[in-house]
């Protein structure tokens, strides 16, 4: 009889442990599902993604209403290149938005007023990236991280 009671208690302990594990896992996955923006908190400092990332369509549309679009072929390889190229383009007075496509190598930018394609090319070149209009200075290119070197 003692063996029988012992087995029941052991089974109850196992069942209780399994219930606890299931509840814990459900809570963990529930939190992950309920708060999908938690992943953006580290990147965006808790801000809404649209106010953090320049590449979001709604934010881009607000800044480029009535702007002229143009494009420029720019050499690069990775996400770090993308950030550097877009940041360099945005330093040109009048540029409202700049998006570089890693696959096509095209920098599409929007501007108000008059912006010369050569000015955009020069700014991107100073950041170390060749464009369809010219080669970046070797000094700037040589400062690029190893993963960004394309020559």
Protein backbone atom coordinates (compact mmCIF):
# COMPACT_ATOMS: atom_id res chain seq x y z
CA UNK A 1 0.00 0.00 0.00
CA UNK A 2 2.86 2.38 0.73
CA UNK A 3 4.26 1.82 -2.77
CA UNK A 4 0.91 2.64 -4.26
CA UNK A 5 0.64 5.92 -2.34
CA UNK A 6 4.24 6.78 -3.11
CA UNK A 7 3.65 6.35 -6.85
CA UNK A 8 0.56 8.54 -6.70
CA UNK A 9 2.50 11.30 -4.96
CA UNK A 10 5.34 11.00 -7.48
CA UNK A 11 2.89 11.19 -10.37
CA UNK A 12 1.18 14.20 -8.79
CA UNK A 13 4.58 15.90 -8.41
CA UNK A 14 5.37 15.22 -12.05
CA UNK A 15 1.99 16.51 -13.14
CA UNK A 16 2.39 19.62 -10.99
CA UNK A 17 5.86 20.21 -12.41
CA UNK A 18 4.54 19.83 -15.98
CA UNK A 19 1.69 22.25 -15.26
CA UNK A 20 4.16 24.78 -13.86
CA UNK A 21 6.39 24.44 -16.93
CA UNK A 22 3.44 24.83 -19.32
CA UNK A 23 2.18 27.92 -17.50
CA UNK A 24 5.67 29.44 -17.45
CA UNK A 25 6.16 28.81 -21.18
CA UNK A 26 2.70 30.18 -21.98
CA UNK A 27 3.46 33.35 -20.03
CA UNK A 28 6.81 33.77 -21.77
CA UNK A 29 5.39 33.32 -25.27
CA UNK A 30 2.34 35.39 -24.39
CA UNK A 31 4.52 38.33 -23.44
CA UNK A 32 6.51 37.96 -26.67
CA UNK A 33 3.33 37.90 -28.74
CA UNK A 34 1.61 40.73 -26.88
CA UNK A 35 4.59 43.08 -27.13
CA UNK A 36 6.10 42.68 -30.61
CA UNK A 37 7.51 46.22 -30.40
CA UNK A 38 9.82 45.14 -27.60
CA UNK A 39 12.39 44.22 -30.26
CA UNK A 40 12.40 47.84 -31.46
CA UNK A 41 13.01 49.20 -27.97
CA UNK A 42 16.75 48.60 -28.14
CA UNK A 43 17.05 50.10 -31.63
CA UNK A 44 14.56 52.91 -31.25
CA UNK A 45 14.99 53.73 -27.57
CA UNK A 46 11.36 52.82 -26.93
CA UNK A 47 10.06 55.23 -29.61
CA UNK A 48 7.58 54.20 -32.24
CA UNK A 49 9.44 52.84 -35.25
CA UNK A 50 8.08 55.54 -37.59
CA UNK A 51 9.66 58.28 -35.50
CA UNK A 52 12.98 56.46 -35.26
CA UNK A 53 13.67 55.13 -38.76
CA UNK A 54 13.98 57.50 -41.68
CA UNK A 55 13.10 54.76 -44.14
CA UNK A 56 9.50 54.23 -43.07
CA UNK A 57 7.04 55.12 -45.84
CA UNK A 58 4.79 57.39 -43.77
CA UNK A 59 7.72 59.39 -42.40
CA UNK A 60 9.33 59.57 -45.83
CA UNK A 61 6.10 60.71 -47.48
CA UNK A 62 5.66 63.53 -44.97
CA UNK A 63 9.15 64.87 -45.63
CA UNK A 64 9.00 64.53 -49.43
CA UNK A 65 5.58 65.97 -50.27
CA UNK A 66 6.08 68.11 -53.36
CA UNK A 67 9.75 67.15 -53.65
CA UNK A 68 11.57 66.10 -56.82
CA UNK A 69 13.12 62.62 -57.01
CA UNK A 70 16.37 61.61 -58.65
CA UNK A 71 18.71 58.63 -58.44
CA UNK A 72 22.39 57.85 -58.51
CA UNK A 73 24.24 54.52 -58.80
CA UNK A 74 26.46 54.07 -55.72
CA UNK A 75 28.87 51.23 -54.90
CA UNK A 76 28.51 49.49 -51.55
CA UNK A 77 28.00 46.09 -49.98
CA UNK A 78 26.14 46.01 -46.69
CA UNK A 79 23.84 47.65 -44.17
CA UNK A 80 26.69 49.75 -42.79
CA UNK A 81 27.26 51.06 -46.33
CA UNK A 82 23.54 51.84 -46.60
CA UNK A 83 23.62 53.96 -43.45
CA UNK A 84 26.79 55.77 -44.51
CA UNK A 85 25.55 56.46 -48.07
CA UNK A 86 22.14 57.73 -46.94
CA UNK A 87 23.67 59.87 -44.19
CA UNK A 88 26.16 61.40 -46.64
CA UNK A 89 23.40 62.20 -49.14
CA UNK A 90 21.32 63.87 -46.43
CA UNK A 91 24.17 66.29 -45.73
CA UNK A 92 23.55 67.96 -49.10
CA UNK A 93 21.42 71.07 -48.59
CA UNK A 94 17.91 70.54 -49.94
CA UNK A 95 17.86 66.72 -49.75
CA UNK A 96 14.79 65.62 -47.80
CA UNK A 97 15.07 61.83 -48.06
CA UNK A 98 17.65 59.31 -49.28
CA UNK A 99 17.25 55.57 -49.69
CA UNK A 100 20.03 53.28 -50.97
CA UNK A 101 19.09 49.82 -52.22
CA UNK A 102 21.78 47.27 -51.38
CA UNK A 103 20.67 44.92 -54.17
CA UNK A 104 20.50 47.42 -57.04
CA UNK A 105 23.06 49.90 -55.74
CA UNK A 106 20.68 52.76 -56.54
CA UNK A 107 20.42 55.77 -54.26
CA UNK A 108 17.02 57.40 -54.69
CA UNK A 109 16.77 60.82 -53.12
CA UNK A 110 14.11 63.51 -52.87
CA UNK A 111 14.81 67.20 -52.69
CA UNK A 112 13.24 70.64 -52.66
CA UNK A 113 14.79 73.47 -54.58
CA UNK A 114 17.81 72.84 -56.72
CA UNK A 115 20.20 70.01 -55.94
CA UNK A 116 22.92 69.01 -58.37
CA UNK A 117 23.57 65.31 -58.85
CA UNK A 118 27.28 66.13 -58.77
CA UNK A 119 26.90 67.53 -55.23
CA UNK A 120 25.26 64.31 -54.06
CA UNK A 121 28.01 62.28 -55.77
CA UNK A 122 30.70 64.39 -54.09
CA UNK A 123 29.14 63.99 -50.63
CA UNK A 124 28.82 60.22 -51.06
CA UNK A 125 32.36 60.06 -52.44
CA UNK A 126 33.72 61.86 -49.38
CA UNK A 127 32.12 59.09 -47.32
CA UNK A 128 34.18 56.55 -49.31
CA UNK A 129 31.73 55.29 -51.94
CA UNK A 130 32.14 55.40 -55.71
CA UNK A 131 29.22 56.67 -57.79
CA UNK A 132 28.32 56.56 -61.46
CA UNK A 133 29.79 60.06 -61.71
CA UNK A 134 33.15 59.34 -60.14
CA UNK A 135 35.45 57.36 -57.92
CA UNK A 136 35.67 58.15 -54.22
CA UNK A 137 39.02 59.54 -53.06
CA UNK A 138 41.35 56.68 -52.06
CA UNK A 139 41.87 58.27 -48.64
CA UNK A 140 38.10 58.10 -47.93
CA UNK A 141 37.73 54.61 -49.42
CA UNK A 142 40.64 53.24 -47.35
CA UNK A 143 38.88 54.38 -44.14
CA UNK A 144 35.92 52.06 -44.84
CA UNK A 145 35.61 48.96 -42.62
CA UNK A 146 36.79 45.74 -44.28
CA UNK A 147 33.24 44.45 -44.82
CA UNK A 148 32.42 47.59 -46.85
CA UNK A 149 35.32 47.42 -49.29
CA UNK A 150 34.09 46.63 -52.79
CA UNK A 151 37.07 47.45 -55.03
